[in-house]
PDB file of all heavy atoms in Angstrom:
ATOM      1  N   ILE A   1       0.871  -1.187   0.000  1.00  0.00           N
ATOM      2  CA  ILE A   1       0.000   0.000   0.000  1.00  0.00           C
ATOM      3  C   ILE A   1       0.900   1.228   0.000  1.00  0.00           C
ATOM      4  O   ILE A   1       1.768   1.360   0.878  1.00  0.00           O
ATOM      5  CB  ILE A   1      -0.937   0.024   1.221  1.00  0.00           C
ATOM      6  CG1 ILE A   1      -1.836  -1.211   1.240  1.00  0.00           C
ATOM      7  CG2 ILE A   1      -1.782   1.304   1.212  1.00  0.00           C
ATOM      8  CD1 ILE A   1      -2.693  -1.326   2.486  1.00  0.00           C
ATOM      9  N   ILE A   2       0.714   2.072  -0.997  1.00  0.00           N
ATOM     10  CA  ILE A   2       1.521   3.295  -1.098  1.00  0.00           C
ATOM     11  C   ILE A   2       0.646   4.475  -0.700  1.00  0.00           C
ATOM     12  O   ILE A   2      -0.435   4.685  -1.261  1.00  0.00           O
ATOM     13  CB  ILE A   2       2.066   3.502  -2.526  1.00  0.00           C
ATOM     14  CG1 ILE A   2       3.039   2.374  -2.885  1.00  0.00           C
ATOM     15  CG2 ILE A   2       2.791   4.838  -2.635  1.00  0.00           C
ATOM     16  CD1 ILE A   2       2.425   1.239  -3.617  1.00  0.00           C
ATOM     17  N   VAL A   3       1.116   5.225   0.287  1.00  0.00           N
ATOM     18  CA  VAL A   3       0.395   6.397   0.786  1.00  0.00           C
ATOM     19  C   VAL A   3       1.151   7.652   0.355  1.00  0.00           C
ATOM     20  O   VAL A   3       2.300   7.856   0.762  1.00  0.00           O
ATOM     21  CB  VAL A   3       0.254   6.367   2.325  1.00  0.00           C
ATOM     22  CG1 VAL A   3      -0.571   7.557   2.800  1.00  0.00           C
ATOM     23  CG2 VAL A   3      -0.349   5.053   2.789  1.00  0.00           C
ATOM     24  N   ASN A   4       0.521   8.452  -0.473  1.00  0.00           N
ATOM     25  CA  ASN A   4       1.126   9.705  -0.938  1.00  0.00           C
ATOM     26  C   ASN A   4       0.617  10.853  -0.072  1.00  0.00           C
ATOM     27  O   ASN A   4      -0.553  11.233  -0.159  1.00  0.00           O
ATOM     28  CB  ASN A   4       0.765   9.950  -2.401  1.00  0.00           C
ATOM     29  CG  ASN A   4       1.324   8.886  -3.327  1.00  0.00           C
ATOM     30  OD1 ASN A   4       2.503   8.914  -3.659  1.00  0.00           O
ATOM     31  ND2 ASN A   4       0.486   7.935  -3.728  1.00  0.00           N
ATOM     32  N   VAL A   5       1.494  11.371   0.758  1.00  0.00           N
ATOM     33  CA  VAL A   5       1.125  12.448   1.685  1.00  0.00           C
ATOM     34  C   VAL A   5       1.594  13.791   1.116  1.00  0.00           C
ATOM     35  O   VAL A   5       2.796  13.991   0.929  1.00  0.00           O
ATOM     36  CB  VAL A   5       1.747  12.232   3.075  1.00  0.00           C
ATOM     37  CG1 VAL A   5       1.304  13.340   4.037  1.00  0.00           C
ATOM     38  CG2 VAL A   5       1.390  10.860   3.628  1.00  0.00           C
ATOM     39  N   PRO A   6       0.679  14.705   0.833  1.00  0.00           N
ATOM     40  CA  PRO A   6       1.092  16.019   0.326  1.00  0.00           C
ATOM     41  C   PRO A   6       1.547  16.935   1.462  1.00  0.00           C
ATOM     42  O   PRO A   6       1.308  16.652   2.640  1.00  0.00           O
ATOM     43  CB  PRO A   6      -0.187  16.552  -0.314  1.00  0.00           C
ATOM     44  CG  PRO A   6      -1.278  15.957   0.522  1.00  0.00           C
ATOM     45  CD  PRO A   6      -0.792  14.581   0.920  1.00  0.00           C
ATOM     46  N   ASN A   7       2.208  17.989   1.086  1.00  0.00           N
ATOM     47  CA  ASN A   7       2.505  19.048   2.049  1.00  0.00           C
ATOM     48  C   ASN A   7       1.178  19.719   2.389  1.00  0.00           C
ATOM     49  O   ASN A   7       0.464  20.187   1.496  1.00  0.00           O
ATOM     50  CB  ASN A   7       3.483  20.044   1.417  1.00  0.00           C
ATOM     51  CG  ASN A   7       3.846  21.185   2.339  1.00  0.00           C
ATOM     52  OD1 ASN A   7       3.512  21.173   3.527  1.00  0.00           O
ATOM     53  ND2 ASN A   7       4.520  22.178   1.804  1.00  0.00           N
ATOM     54  N   ALA A   8       0.828  19.759   3.646  1.00  0.00           N
ATOM     55  CA  ALA A   8      -0.464  20.311   4.051  1.00  0.00           C
ATOM     56  C   ALA A   8      -0.560  21.802   3.763  1.00  0.00           C
ATOM     57  O   ALA A   8       0.443  22.528   3.800  1.00  0.00           O
ATOM     58  CB  ALA A   8      -0.700  20.054   5.537  1.00  0.00           C
ATOM     59  N   ASN A   9      -1.766  22.240   3.469  1.00  0.00           N
ATOM     60  CA  ASN A   9      -2.028  23.669   3.356  1.00  0.00           C
ATOM     61  C   ASN A   9      -1.690  24.338   4.684  1.00  0.00           C
ATOM     62  O   ASN A   9      -1.944  23.785   5.743  1.00  0.00           O
ATOM     63  CB  ASN A   9      -3.513  23.871   3.007  1.00  0.00           C
ATOM     64  CG  ASN A   9      -3.850  25.316   2.750  1.00  0.00           C
ATOM     65  OD1 ASN A   9      -3.799  26.169   3.636  1.00  0.00           O
ATOM     66  ND2 ASN A   9      -4.231  25.608   1.517  1.00  0.00           N
ATOM     67  N   ARG A  10      -1.125  25.522   4.626  1.00  0.00           N
ATOM     68  CA  ARG A  10      -0.701  26.191   5.861  1.00  0.00           C
ATOM     69  C   ARG A  10      -1.859  26.399   6.833  1.00  0.00           C
ATOM     70  O   ARG A  10      -1.655  26.444   8.051  1.00  0.00           O
ATOM     71  CB  ARG A  10      -0.029  27.527   5.565  1.00  0.00           C
ATOM     72  CG  ARG A  10      -0.941  28.596   4.984  1.00  0.00           C
ATOM     73  CD  ARG A  10      -0.196  29.908   4.772  1.00  0.00           C
ATOM     74  NE  ARG A  10      -1.032  30.924   4.174  1.00  0.00           N
ATOM     75  CZ  ARG A  10      -1.858  31.701   4.837  1.00  0.00           C
ATOM     76  NH1 ARG A  10      -1.981  31.561   6.146  1.00  0.00           N
ATOM     77  NH2 ARG A  10      -2.571  32.617   4.217  1.00  0.00           N
ATOM     78  N   LYS A  11      -3.098  26.504   6.300  1.00  0.00           N
ATOM     79  CA  LYS A  11      -4.248  26.702   7.179  1.00  0.00           C
ATOM     80  C   LYS A  11      -4.619  25.431   7.935  1.00  0.00           C
ATOM     81  O   LYS A  11      -5.384  25.487   8.906  1.00  0.00           O
ATOM     82  CB  LYS A  11      -5.437  27.227   6.368  1.00  0.00           C
ATOM     83  CG  LYS A  11      -5.224  28.649   5.863  1.00  0.00           C
ATOM     84  CD  LYS A  11      -6.486  29.222   5.238  1.00  0.00           C
ATOM     85  CE  LYS A  11      -6.264  30.672   4.826  1.00  0.00           C
ATOM     86  NZ  LYS A  11      -7.493  31.289   4.264  1.00  0.00           N
ATOM     87  N   ASP A  12      -4.103  24.272   7.486  1.00  0.00           N
ATOM     88  CA  ASP A  12      -4.358  23.015   8.181  1.00  0.00           C
ATOM     89  C   ASP A  12      -3.256  22.666   9.178  1.00  0.00           C
ATOM     90  O   ASP A  12      -3.396  21.740   9.971  1.00  0.00           O
ATOM     91  CB  ASP A  12      -4.488  21.861   7.179  1.00  0.00           C
ATOM     92  CG  ASP A  12      -5.729  21.981   6.323  1.00  0.00           C
ATOM     93  OD1 ASP A  12      -6.749  22.467   6.841  1.00  0.00           O
ATOM     94  OD2 ASP A  12      -5.677  21.588   5.135  1.00  0.00           O
ATOM     95  N   LYS A  13      -2.143  23.375   9.101  1.00  0.00           N
ATOM     96  CA  LYS A  13      -1.006  23.075   9.977  1.00  0.00           C
ATOM     97  C   LYS A  13      -1.172  23.728  11.338  1.00  0.00           C
ATOM     98  O   LYS A  13      -1.822  24.764  11.451  1.00  0.00           O
ATOM     99  CB  LYS A  13       0.291  23.566   9.333  1.00  0.00           C
ATOM    100  CG  LYS A  13       0.676  22.803   8.072  1.00  0.00           C
ATOM    101  CD  LYS A  13       1.992  23.329   7.511  1.00  0.00           C
ATOM    102  CE  LYS A  13       2.369  22.596   6.231  1.00  0.00           C
ATOM    103  NZ  LYS A  13       3.624  23.098   5.674  1.00  0.00           N
ATOM    104  N   PRO A  14      -0.591  23.135  12.364  1.00  0.00           N
ATOM    105  CA  PRO A  14       0.170  21.900  12.316  1.00  0.00           C
ATOM    106  C   PRO A  14      -0.727  20.669  12.254  1.00  0.00           C
ATOM    107  O   PRO A  14      -1.803  20.654  12.851  1.00  0.00           O
ATOM    108  CB  PRO A  14       0.966  21.921  13.615  1.00  0.00           C
ATOM    109  CG  PRO A  14       0.075  22.664  14.566  1.00  0.00           C
ATOM    110  CD  PRO A  14      -0.576  23.730  13.725  1.00  0.00           C
ATOM    111  N   ILE A  15      -0.281  19.640  11.541  1.00  0.00           N
ATOM    112  CA  ILE A  15      -0.930  18.336  11.576  1.00  0.00           C
ATOM    113  C   ILE A  15      -0.317  17.583  12.746  1.00  0.00           C
ATOM    114  O   ILE A  15       0.896  17.369  12.778  1.00  0.00           O
ATOM    115  CB  ILE A  15      -0.694  17.555  10.268  1.00  0.00           C
ATOM    116  CG1 ILE A  15      -1.215  18.344   9.063  1.00  0.00           C
ATOM    117  CG2 ILE A  15      -1.339  16.179  10.349  1.00  0.00           C
ATOM    118  CD1 ILE A  15      -2.710  18.546   9.033  1.00  0.00           C
ATOM    119  N   TYR A  16      -1.138  17.219  13.722  1.00  0.00           N
ATOM    120  CA  TYR A  16      -0.594  16.548  14.908  1.00  0.00           C
ATOM    121  C   TYR A  16      -1.432  15.325  15.259  1.00  0.00           C
ATOM    122  O   TYR A  16      -2.519  15.111  14.710  1.00  0.00           O
ATOM    123  CB  TYR A  16      -0.522  17.515  16.098  1.00  0.00           C
ATOM    124  CG  TYR A  16      -1.823  18.194  16.456  1.00  0.00           C
ATOM    125  CD1 TYR A  16      -2.705  17.612  17.369  1.00  0.00           C
ATOM    126  CD2 TYR A  16      -2.166  19.423  15.904  1.00  0.00           C
ATOM    127  CE1 TYR A  16      -3.905  18.238  17.707  1.00  0.00           C
ATOM    128  CE2 TYR A  16      -3.358  20.054  16.225  1.00  0.00           C
ATOM    129  CZ  TYR A  16      -4.220  19.462  17.131  1.00  0.00           C
ATOM    130  OH  TYR A  16      -5.398  20.073  17.464  1.00  0.00           O
ATOM    131  N   ILE A  17      -0.920  14.512  16.171  1.00  0.00           N
ATOM    132  CA  ILE A  17      -1.588  13.258  16.516  1.00  0.00           C
ATOM    133  C   ILE A  17      -1.905  13.198  18.007  1.00  0.00           C
ATOM    134  O   ILE A  17      -1.367  13.963  18.806  1.00  0.00           O
ATOM    135  CB  ILE A  17      -0.733  12.042  16.114  1.00  0.00           C
ATOM    136  CG1 ILE A  17       0.617  12.053  16.843  1.00  0.00           C
ATOM    137  CG2 ILE A  17      -0.523  12.021  14.606  1.00  0.00           C
ATOM    138  CD1 ILE A  17       1.483  10.826  16.571  1.00  0.00           C
ATOM    139  N   ASN A  18      -2.806  12.284  18.335  1.00  0.00           N
ATOM    140  CA  ASN A  18      -3.193  12.007  19.732  1.00  0.00           C
ATOM    141  C   ASN A  18      -3.763  13.215  20.456  1.00  0.00           C
ATOM    142  O   ASN A  18      -3.598  13.367  21.673  1.00  0.00           O
ATOM    143  CB  ASN A  18      -2.001  11.427  20.514  1.00  0.00           C
ATOM    144  CG  ASN A  18      -1.529  10.108  19.917  1.00  0.00           C
ATOM    145  OD1 ASN A  18      -2.335   9.311  19.437  1.00  0.00           O
ATOM    146  ND2 ASN A  18      -0.221   9.873  19.929  1.00  0.00           N
ATOM    147  N   ASN A  19      -4.394  14.106  19.680  1.00  0.00           N
ATOM    148  CA  ASN A  19      -5.120  15.242  20.254  1.00  0.00           C
ATOM    149  C   ASN A  19      -4.240  16.162  21.089  1.00  0.00           C
ATOM    150  O   ASN A  19      -4.722  16.823  22.007  1.00  0.00           O
ATOM    151  CB  ASN A  19      -6.301  14.733  21.114  1.00  0.00           C
ATOM    152  CG  ASN A  19      -7.413  15.752  21.226  1.00  0.00           C
ATOM    153  OD1 ASN A  19      -7.614  16.576  20.336  1.00  0.00           O
ATOM    154  ND2 ASN A  19      -8.139  15.716  22.327  1.00  0.00           N
ATOM    155  N   ASN A  20      -2.945  16.190  20.766  1.00  0.00           N
ATOM    156  CA  ASN A  20      -2.027  17.029  21.540  1.00  0.00           C
ATOM    157  C   ASN A  20      -0.967  17.631  20.623  1.00  0.00           C
ATOM    158  O   ASN A  20      -0.013  16.946  20.248  1.00  0.00           O
ATOM    159  CB  ASN A  20      -1.357  16.193  22.640  1.00  0.00           C
ATOM    160  CG  ASN A  20      -0.597  17.061  23.634  1.00  0.00           C
ATOM    161  OD1 ASN A  20      -0.079  18.117  23.288  1.00  0.00           O
ATOM    162  ND2 ASN A  20      -0.534  16.612  24.865  1.00  0.00           N
ATOM    163  N   PRO A  21      -1.095  18.899  20.255  1.00  0.00           N
ATOM    164  CA  PRO A  21      -0.117  19.505  19.351  1.00  0.00           C
ATOM    165  C   PRO A  21       1.272  19.642  19.957  1.00  0.00           C
ATOM    166  O   PRO A  21       2.263  19.669  19.231  1.00  0.00           O
ATOM    167  CB  PRO A  21      -0.718  20.881  19.046  1.00  0.00           C
ATOM    168  CG  PRO A  21      -1.608  21.162  20.203  1.00  0.00           C
ATOM    169  CD  PRO A  21      -2.165  19.847  20.626  1.00  0.00           C
ATOM    170  N   ILE A  22       1.352  19.720  21.289  1.00  0.00           N
ATOM    171  CA  ILE A  22       2.654  19.901  21.927  1.00  0.00           C
ATOM    172  C   ILE A  22       3.516  18.657  21.799  1.00  0.00           C
ATOM    173  O   ILE A  22       4.714  18.735  21.512  1.00  0.00           O
ATOM    174  CB  ILE A  22       2.487  20.269  23.427  1.00  0.00           C
ATOM    175  CG1 ILE A  22       1.594  21.501  23.569  1.00  0.00           C
ATOM    176  CG2 ILE A  22       3.857  20.520  24.063  1.00  0.00           C
ATOM    177  CD1 ILE A  22       2.074  22.720  22.824  1.00  0.00           C
ATOM    178  N   THR A  23       2.940  17.483  22.001  1.00  0.00           N
ATOM    179  CA  THR A  23       3.708  16.233  21.930  1.00  0.00           C
ATOM    180  C   THR A  23       3.475  15.464  20.638  1.00  0.00           C
ATOM    181  O   THR A  23       4.177  14.483  20.377  1.00  0.00           O
ATOM    182  CB  THR A  23       3.357  15.317  23.118  1.00  0.00           C
ATOM    183  OG1 THR A  23       1.948  14.985  23.053  1.00  0.00           O
ATOM    184  CG2 THR A  23       3.642  16.001  24.439  1.00  0.00           C
ATOM    185  N   GLY A  24       2.515  15.897  19.825  1.00  0.00           N
ATOM    186  CA  GLY A  24       2.149  15.117  18.648  1.00  0.00           C
ATOM    187  C   GLY A  24       2.393  15.776  17.314  1.00  0.00           C
ATOM    188  O   GLY A  24       1.875  15.324  16.294  1.00  0.00           O
ATOM    189  N   THR A  25       3.204  16.839  17.279  1.00  0.00           N
ATOM    190  CA  THR A  25       3.521  17.523  16.024  1.00  0.00           C
ATOM    191  C   THR A  25       4.936  17.160  15.594  1.00  0.00           C
ATOM    192  O   THR A  25       5.880  17.320  16.368  1.00  0.00           O
ATOM    193  CB  THR A  25       3.402  19.044  16.171  1.00  0.00           C
ATOM    194  OG1 THR A  25       2.071  19.382  16.567  1.00  0.00           O
ATOM    195  CG2 THR A  25       3.714  19.745  14.853  1.00  0.00           C
ATOM    196  N   TYR A  26       5.069  16.699  14.348  1.00  0.00           N
ATOM    197  CA  TYR A  26       6.373  16.236  13.853  1.00  0.00           C
ATOM    198  C   TYR A  26       6.746  16.937  12.551  1.00  0.00           C
ATOM    199  O   TYR A  26       5.902  17.424  11.811  1.00  0.00           O
ATOM    200  CB  TYR A  26       6.338  14.728  13.614  1.00  0.00           C
ATOM    201  CG  TYR A  26       6.229  13.911  14.878  1.00  0.00           C
ATOM    202  CD1 TYR A  26       4.987  13.723  15.492  1.00  0.00           C
ATOM    203  CD2 TYR A  26       7.351  13.335  15.472  1.00  0.00           C
ATOM    204  CE1 TYR A  26       4.879  12.985  16.664  1.00  0.00           C
ATOM    205  CE2 TYR A  26       7.248  12.591  16.641  1.00  0.00           C
ATOM    206  CZ  TYR A  26       6.008  12.418  17.230  1.00  0.00           C
ATOM    207  OH  TYR A  26       5.893  11.689  18.393  1.00  0.00           O
ATOM    208  N   LYS A  27       8.064  16.957  12.300  1.00  0.00           N
ATOM    209  CA  LYS A  27       8.606  17.409  11.020  1.00  0.00           C
ATOM    210  C   LYS A  27       9.638  16.387  10.544  1.00  0.00           C
ATOM    211  O   LYS A  27      10.167  15.601  11.326  1.00  0.00           O
ATOM    212  CB  LYS A  27       9.238  18.793  11.142  1.00  0.00           C
ATOM    213  CG  LYS A  27       8.242  19.930  10.956  1.00  0.00           C
ATOM    214  CD  LYS A  27       8.948  21.235  10.638  1.00  0.00           C
ATOM    215  CE  LYS A  27       7.948  22.292  10.179  1.00  0.00           C
ATOM    216  NZ  LYS A  27       8.616  23.533   9.757  1.00  0.00           N
ATOM    217  N   ARG A  28       9.898  16.401   9.245  1.00  0.00           N
ATOM    218  CA  ARG A  28      10.813  15.442   8.630  1.00  0.00           C
ATOM    219  C   ARG A  28      12.175  16.073   8.415  1.00  0.00           C
ATOM    220  O   ARG A  28      12.292  17.142   7.799  1.00  0.00           O
ATOM    221  CB  ARG A  28      10.246  14.970   7.289  1.00  0.00           C
ATOM    222  CG  ARG A  28      11.024  13.819   6.650  1.00  0.00           C
ATOM    223  CD  ARG A  28      10.713  12.508   7.316  1.00  0.00           C
ATOM    224  NE  ARG A  28      11.283  11.383   6.562  1.00  0.00           N
ATOM    225  CZ  ARG A  28      11.097  10.119   6.901  1.00  0.00           C
ATOM    226  NH1 ARG A  28      10.346   9.807   7.945  1.00  0.00           N
ATOM    227  NH2 ARG A  28      11.644   9.137   6.192  1.00  0.00           N
ATOM    228  N   TYR A  29      13.211  15.406   8.939  1.00  0.00           N
ATOM    229  CA  TYR A  29      14.591  15.806   8.713  1.00  0.00           C
ATOM    230  C   TYR A  29      15.371  14.564   8.297  1.00  0.00           C
ATOM    231  O   TYR A  29      15.371  13.559   9.008  1.00  0.00           O
ATOM    232  CB  TYR A  29      15.207  16.428   9.956  1.00  0.00           C
ATOM    233  CG  TYR A  29      14.543  17.728  10.373  1.00  0.00           C
ATOM    234  CD1 TYR A  29      13.612  17.747  11.413  1.00  0.00           C
ATOM    235  CD2 TYR A  29      14.827  18.918   9.722  1.00  0.00           C
ATOM    236  CE1 TYR A  29      12.987  18.934  11.793  1.00  0.00           C
ATOM    237  CE2 TYR A  29      14.208  20.104  10.093  1.00  0.00           C
ATOM    238  CZ  TYR A  29      13.291  20.097  11.130  1.00  0.00           C
ATOM    239  OH  TYR A  29      12.672  21.270  11.496  1.00  0.00           O
TER     240      TYR A  29
END
């Protein structure tokens, strides 16, 4: 299964998980 994830629109950012932006927001390096 290939998942193509686009760069989110700035109005949707940050995209975070587990209902917590402080501990659930990530970036790719």
